[in-house]
């Protein structure tokens, strides 16, 4: 059995609207984007189907998650009761993205943007297929941007669930900025999307002829989020969700030593110290996080919850907890 370090849920089924109160997306834009979202059906050798979503990113080309299709010998995409068969695929298994060539597909391609242009707090919309009910949207905002493998994995508050894997995350201009991929248990904002830049790289590879027949990807490496040695931001998320504050403190301090210009470890360090009742030590770390990223509202909220500094308190500086 595959060992998994993180409590993750692969997304094979349902996408529901977010509870957050936001203005509804422009109806014409929603209708246009909905025509580019398809349902993916991938029969499993043991029986049944893996169900996911896909986004049209070029003529007869759709992108989805490999964890939806990796066991399949045949893959179909469906929209409006019409079914098309995928003839070939290009895969980037470590990034969990598979590009399908679907001959005869009549679905408009979306405009592909860049996750690197996003900012924390920016509004985004998730679109994906439910398990037979239809396309629904989830409105939310960018919670964090995690550098990884030449891109930034997007963490957002857009609620999605099983069946949304491979769906699209769009900015307010309707550009695809991410592909909905996975979520972590135990967090209100632990929803993650692969960056659109990875999609563009896969499309470029396919256009150079890097397409193969649809076959099970049996000797596949696990994607980064399923790996036994996941990136730091996912290790930190697990420690945070499990309340392992001393371990999070150690991880964040080491991270800040290695990359002191990154605001994320400073925020995590401040949070870990705050949760241990060490407000005086948490304050400078949170202040460093805000100095590096003023839009990080969670750091501002945590800072506001601290006990007021004593009149004799001295500024510790950003390196106080990393030496």
Protein backbone atom coordinates (compact mmCIF):
# COMPACT_ATOMS: atom_id res chain seq x y z
CA UNK A 1 0.00 0.00 0.00
CA UNK A 2 1.31 3.43 -0.89
CA UNK A 3 2.52 5.41 2.10
CA UNK A 4 1.08 8.92 2.17
CA UNK A 5 2.47 11.55 4.48
CA UNK A 6 -0.40 13.99 4.08
CA UNK A 7 -4.13 13.53 4.75
CA UNK A 8 -5.17 14.43 1.22
CA UNK A 9 -8.32 13.84 -0.75
CA UNK A 10 -8.10 13.31 -4.50
CA UNK A 11 -11.00 15.01 -6.20
CA UNK A 12 -13.17 12.71 -8.26
CA UNK A 13 -16.75 14.00 -7.87
CA UNK A 14 -18.56 17.07 -6.59
CA UNK A 15 -18.05 20.82 -6.81
CA UNK A 16 -20.34 23.06 -4.77
CA UNK A 17 -20.70 26.84 -4.52
CA UNK A 18 -18.71 28.54 -1.78
CA UNK A 19 -20.57 29.88 1.21
CA UNK A 20 -18.72 33.18 1.10
CA UNK A 21 -20.83 36.17 0.09
CA UNK A 22 -19.52 37.55 -3.19
CA UNK A 23 -20.86 39.15 -6.30
CA UNK A 24 -21.92 36.55 -8.86
CA UNK A 25 -19.67 36.24 -11.92
CA UNK A 26 -20.84 37.89 -15.10
CA UNK A 27 -23.41 35.53 -16.64
CA UNK A 28 -22.09 35.83 -20.18
CA UNK A 29 -18.58 35.07 -18.96
CA UNK A 30 -19.81 32.10 -16.92
CA UNK A 31 -21.69 30.65 -19.92
CA UNK A 32 -18.65 31.09 -22.15
CA UNK A 33 -16.33 29.38 -19.67
CA UNK A 34 -18.80 26.58 -18.96
CA UNK A 35 -18.60 25.54 -22.61
CA UNK A 36 -14.91 24.78 -22.08
CA UNK A 37 -15.36 22.55 -18.99
CA UNK A 38 -15.94 18.84 -19.58
CA UNK A 39 -16.62 15.76 -17.52
CA UNK A 40 -13.93 13.06 -17.64
CA UNK A 41 -14.75 9.35 -17.37
CA UNK A 42 -11.89 6.88 -16.98
CA UNK A 43 -12.81 3.18 -16.45
CA UNK A 44 -10.87 1.47 -13.68
CA UNK A 45 -9.49 -2.08 -14.22
CA UNK A 46 -11.19 -3.19 -11.00
CA UNK A 47 -14.54 -1.83 -12.17
CA UNK A 48 -16.36 1.46 -12.05
CA UNK A 49 -15.11 4.81 -13.24
CA UNK A 50 -12.81 7.52 -12.05
CA UNK A 51 -14.74 10.74 -12.60
CA UNK A 52 -13.18 14.15 -12.93
CA UNK A 53 -13.25 17.38 -14.87
CA UNK A 54 -11.20 18.84 -17.71
CA UNK A 55 -10.59 22.24 -19.30
CA UNK A 56 -10.22 22.83 -23.03
CA UNK A 57 -6.88 24.55 -23.57
CA UNK A 58 -6.42 24.23 -27.32
CA UNK A 59 -7.99 22.73 -30.46
CA UNK A 60 -8.95 19.17 -29.50
CA UNK A 61 -6.81 19.45 -26.34
CA UNK A 62 -8.04 19.24 -22.74
CA UNK A 63 -6.12 19.18 -19.47
CA UNK A 64 -7.07 17.16 -16.40
CA UNK A 65 -5.32 15.55 -13.42
CA UNK A 66 -3.37 12.35 -13.97
CA UNK A 67 -4.78 10.90 -10.76
CA UNK A 68 -8.14 10.79 -12.59
CA UNK A 69 -6.86 8.98 -15.69
CA UNK A 70 -3.73 7.06 -14.67
CA UNK A 71 -5.38 3.61 -14.46
CA UNK A 72 -7.38 3.89 -17.67
CA UNK A 73 -6.98 2.18 -21.04
CA UNK A 74 -9.62 4.45 -22.49
CA UNK A 75 -10.77 7.92 -21.52
CA UNK A 76 -13.88 9.85 -22.53
CA UNK A 77 -14.85 13.48 -22.14
CA UNK A 78 -18.51 14.42 -22.00
CA UNK A 79 -20.45 17.66 -22.34
CA UNK A 80 -24.15 18.22 -22.96
CA UNK A 81 -24.76 14.51 -23.47
CA UNK A 82 -22.13 14.28 -26.22
CA UNK A 83 -19.17 11.96 -25.69
CA UNK A 84 -15.75 12.08 -27.29
CA UNK A 85 -12.91 9.56 -26.91
CA UNK A 86 -9.36 10.62 -26.15
CA UNK A 87 -6.91 9.24 -28.70
CA UNK A 88 -3.62 10.21 -27.06
CA UNK A 89 -2.18 11.84 -23.99
CA UNK A 90 0.84 13.73 -22.74
CA UNK A 91 1.57 13.47 -19.04
CA UNK A 92 3.55 15.22 -16.34
CA UNK A 93 2.99 12.80 -13.51
CA UNK A 94 5.05 14.57 -10.87
CA UNK A 95 2.89 17.67 -11.36
CA UNK A 96 -0.31 15.56 -11.69
CA UNK A 97 -1.28 17.03 -15.08
CA UNK A 98 -2.35 15.03 -18.13
CA UNK A 99 -3.18 16.55 -21.51
CA UNK A 100 -5.63 14.63 -23.69
CA UNK A 101 -5.91 14.83 -27.48
CA UNK A 102 -9.61 14.42 -28.29
CA UNK A 103 -10.26 14.24 -32.06
CA UNK A 104 -13.44 15.97 -33.17
CA UNK A 105 -13.95 17.77 -29.88
CA UNK A 106 -16.13 20.83 -30.27
CA UNK A 107 -15.33 22.95 -27.25
CA UNK A 108 -13.80 26.44 -27.23
CA UNK A 109 -10.35 26.81 -25.70
CA UNK A 110 -10.01 29.09 -22.68
CA UNK A 111 -7.44 31.86 -22.47
CA UNK A 112 -4.54 30.54 -20.41
CA UNK A 113 -3.13 33.08 -17.98
CA UNK A 114 -0.36 32.91 -15.39
CA UNK A 115 -0.56 32.01 -11.73
CA UNK A 116 2.48 34.22 -11.15
CA UNK A 117 0.32 37.29 -11.79
CA UNK A 118 -1.99 36.49 -8.86
CA UNK A 119 -1.88 38.21 -5.49
CA UNK A 120 -2.97 37.06 -2.06
CA UNK A 121 -6.56 38.19 -1.50
CA UNK A 122 -7.41 38.29 -5.21
CA UNK A 123 -10.80 36.87 -6.17
CA UNK A 124 -10.88 33.66 -8.23
CA UNK A 125 -13.63 31.35 -9.50
CA UNK A 126 -13.51 27.55 -9.65
CA UNK A 127 -15.52 25.66 -12.26
CA UNK A 128 -15.90 21.89 -12.45
CA UNK A 129 -18.26 19.00 -13.09
CA UNK A 130 -20.37 17.34 -10.46
CA UNK A 131 -21.09 13.62 -10.56
CA UNK A 132 -23.84 14.03 -13.16
CA UNK A 133 -25.61 17.16 -11.91
CA UNK A 134 -23.72 19.64 -14.06
CA UNK A 135 -21.17 22.40 -13.90
CA UNK A 136 -21.17 24.54 -10.79
CA UNK A 137 -18.97 27.36 -9.61
CA UNK A 138 -17.25 28.21 -6.36
CA UNK A 139 -16.25 31.79 -5.58
CA UNK A 140 -13.29 32.50 -3.36
CA UNK A 141 -9.95 34.22 -3.10
CA UNK A 142 -6.26 33.40 -3.19
CA UNK A 143 -5.05 32.47 0.28
CA UNK A 144 -1.42 31.77 -0.56
CA UNK A 145 0.99 31.19 -3.44
CA UNK A 146 3.52 28.43 -2.84
CA UNK A 147 6.65 28.35 -5.05
CA UNK A 148 7.23 24.81 -6.30
CA UNK A 149 8.90 23.23 -9.32
CA UNK A 150 9.23 26.42 -11.34
CA UNK A 151 5.69 27.66 -10.63
CA UNK A 152 3.41 28.67 -7.77
CA UNK A 153 0.85 26.24 -6.43
CA UNK A 154 -2.30 28.23 -5.67
CA UNK A 155 -4.00 27.83 -2.31
CA UNK A 156 -7.47 29.33 -2.34
CA UNK A 157 -10.71 29.41 -0.38
CA UNK A 158 -12.77 28.06 -3.31
CA UNK A 159 -14.57 25.02 -1.94
CA UNK A 160 -14.39 21.95 -4.16
CA UNK A 161 -14.83 18.27 -3.56
CA UNK A 162 -14.74 14.92 -5.33
CA UNK A 163 -15.22 15.19 -9.08
CA UNK A 164 -13.67 18.63 -9.42
CA UNK A 165 -10.18 17.28 -10.19
CA UNK A 166 -9.06 18.80 -13.47
CA UNK A 167 -11.52 21.69 -13.30
CA UNK A 168 -10.42 25.26 -13.81
CA UNK A 169 -9.54 28.13 -11.50
CA UNK A 170 -10.12 31.47 -13.25
CA UNK A 171 -9.23 35.06 -12.46
CA UNK A 172 -11.79 37.85 -12.76
CA UNK A 173 -10.94 38.37 -16.44
CA UNK A 174 -11.84 34.76 -17.24
CA UNK A 175 -8.29 33.55 -17.76
CA UNK A 176 -7.32 30.08 -16.56
CA UNK A 177 -4.79 30.51 -13.74
CA UNK A 178 -4.89 27.02 -12.23
CA UNK A 179 -6.18 23.46 -12.44
CA UNK A 180 -8.10 22.23 -9.39
CA UNK A 181 -6.12 19.32 -7.98
CA UNK A 182 -6.43 18.43 -4.29
CA UNK A 183 -7.44 19.55 -0.82
CA UNK A 184 -6.28 18.79 2.69
CA UNK A 185 -8.56 17.61 5.45
CA UNK A 186 -9.12 19.86 8.42
CA UNK A 187 -8.75 23.28 6.84
CA UNK A 188 -11.25 25.85 5.63
CA UNK A 189 -8.83 27.23 3.04
CA UNK A 190 -6.72 24.19 2.14
CA UNK A 191 -7.72 23.91 -1.52
CA UNK A 192 -4.93 23.73 -4.07
CA UNK A 193 -4.61 24.24 -7.82
CA UNK A 194 -1.71 23.56 -10.18
CA UNK A 195 -0.42 26.74 -11.87
CA UNK A 196 -1.42 27.55 -15.45
CA UNK A 197 2.26 27.83 -16.40
CA UNK A 198 2.57 24.04 -16.00
CA UNK A 199 -0.38 23.64 -18.38
CA UNK A 200 1.30 25.84 -20.99
CA UNK A 201 4.47 23.75 -20.77
CA UNK A 202 2.47 20.55 -21.32
CA UNK A 203 0.63 22.05 -24.32
CA UNK A 204 3.97 23.09 -25.83
CA UNK A 205 5.31 19.55 -25.37
CA UNK A 206 2.22 18.08 -27.05
CA UNK A 207 2.58 20.42 -30.01
CA UNK A 208 6.15 19.20 -30.41
CA UNK A 209 4.74 15.69 -30.77
CA UNK A 210 5.08 14.41 -27.21
CA UNK A 211 1.79 12.48 -27.29
CA UNK A 212 1.35 8.78 -26.61
CA UNK A 213 -1.46 6.27 -26.79
CA UNK A 214 -3.88 6.14 -23.88
CA UNK A 215 -2.58 3.38 -21.62
CA UNK A 216 -2.39 2.86 -17.85
CA UNK A 217 0.47 4.83 -16.34
CA UNK A 218 1.53 1.91 -14.16
CA UNK A 219 5.10 2.93 -13.39
CA UNK A 220 4.19 6.48 -12.50
CA UNK A 221 5.90 8.58 -9.84
CA UNK A 222 3.54 9.93 -7.24
CA UNK A 223 2.62 13.60 -7.67
CA UNK A 224 4.19 16.07 -5.28
CA UNK A 225 1.13 16.21 -3.06
CA UNK A 226 0.99 12.40 -2.61
CA UNK A 227 4.73 11.97 -2.15
CA UNK A 228 6.22 10.60 1.06
CA UNK A 229 8.49 13.66 1.00
CA UNK A 230 6.16 16.52 0.02
CA UNK A 231 7.26 20.15 -0.30
CA UNK A 232 7.65 22.27 2.84
CA UNK A 233 4.38 24.12 2.45
CA UNK A 234 2.43 20.86 2.56
CA UNK A 235 4.42 19.51 5.51
CA UNK A 236 3.69 22.77 7.31
CA UNK A 237 -0.01 22.54 6.45
CA UNK A 238 -0.20 19.08 7.95
CA UNK A 239 1.56 20.14 11.16
CA UNK A 240 -0.76 23.14 11.42
CA UNK A 241 -3.92 21.08 10.89
CA UNK A 242 -2.77 18.57 13.53
CA UNK A 243 -1.77 21.24 16.04
CA UNK A 244 1.86 20.10 16.20
CA UNK A 245 3.15 23.54 17.04
CA UNK A 246 6.66 22.70 18.30
CA UNK A 247 7.38 20.78 15.10
CA UNK A 248 5.92 23.60 13.01
CA UNK A 249 8.12 26.06 14.87
CA UNK A 250 11.23 24.03 14.02
CA UNK A 251 10.24 23.63 10.36
CA UNK A 252 9.39 27.32 9.96
CA UNK A 253 12.58 28.51 11.67
CA UNK A 254 14.74 26.34 9.39
CA UNK A 255 12.75 27.50 6.37
CA UNK A 256 13.22 31.17 7.32
CA UNK A 257 16.95 30.64 7.69
CA UNK A 258 17.12 29.21 4.19
CA UNK A 259 14.84 31.78 2.58
CA UNK A 260 14.52 34.89 4.77
CA UNK A 261 12.84 36.89 1.98
CA UNK A 262 9.87 34.48 1.89
CA UNK A 263 6.99 35.73 4.02
CA UNK A 264 5.39 32.30 4.51
CA UNK A 265 7.86 30.81 7.04
CA UNK A 266 7.73 33.98 9.12
CA UNK A 267 3.95 33.74 9.30
CA UNK A 268 4.10 30.04 10.20
CA UNK A 269 6.75 30.71 12.83
CA UNK A 270 4.67 33.47 14.38
CA UNK A 271 1.58 31.28 14.35
CA UNK A 272 3.41 28.36 15.97
CA UNK A 273 4.81 30.60 18.71
CA UNK A 274 1.42 32.24 19.30
CA UNK A 275 -0.24 28.85 19.69
CA UNK A 276 2.33 27.97 22.35
CA UNK A 277 1.50 31.13 24.31
CA UNK A 278 4.77 32.83 23.42
CA UNK A 279 3.27 36.11 22.25
CA UNK A 280 6.37 38.24 22.77
CA UNK A 281 8.35 35.95 20.45
CA UNK A 282 5.50 35.61 17.96
CA UNK A 283 5.13 39.35 17.43
CA UNK A 284 8.38 40.04 15.51
CA UNK A 285 7.89 36.98 13.31
CA UNK A 286 4.37 38.08 12.35
CA UNK A 287 5.57 41.64 11.80
CA UNK A 288 8.24 40.29 9.45
CA UNK A 289 5.60 38.32 7.54
CA UNK A 290 3.51 41.46 7.07
CA UNK A 291 6.50 43.57 6.09
CA UNK A 292 7.28 41.07 3.34
CA UNK A 293 3.64 40.51 2.32
CA UNK A 294 1.20 43.20 3.54
CA UNK A 295 -1.74 41.39 1.93
CA UNK A 296 -1.42 38.36 4.25
CA UNK A 297 -4.59 38.97 6.25
CA UNK A 298 -4.09 35.85 8.39
CA UNK A 299 -0.85 37.33 9.74
CA UNK A 300 -2.60 40.63 10.48
CA UNK A 301 -5.38 38.79 12.32
CA UNK A 302 -2.89 36.74 14.34
CA UNK A 303 -0.91 39.83 15.23
CA UNK A 304 -4.05 41.65 16.42
CA UNK A 305 -4.85 38.72 18.73
CA UNK A 306 -1.53 38.93 20.59
CA UNK A 307 -1.16 40.38 24.03
CA UNK A 308 0.02 44.02 23.88
CA UNK A 309 3.82 44.28 24.17
CA UNK A 310 5.16 45.35 27.53
CA UNK A 311 6.71 48.78 27.86
CA UNK A 312 10.12 47.14 28.27
CA UNK A 313 9.81 44.87 25.23
CA UNK A 314 12.52 45.27 22.63
CA UNK A 315 12.22 44.60 18.92
CA UNK A 316 13.72 41.19 18.24
CA UNK A 317 14.28 41.53 14.52
CA UNK A 318 13.51 39.03 11.80
CA UNK A 319 16.43 36.77 12.62
CA UNK A 320 15.65 36.37 16.31
CA UNK A 321 14.19 32.86 16.05
CA UNK A 322 16.25 31.45 13.21
CA UNK A 323 19.75 31.44 14.64
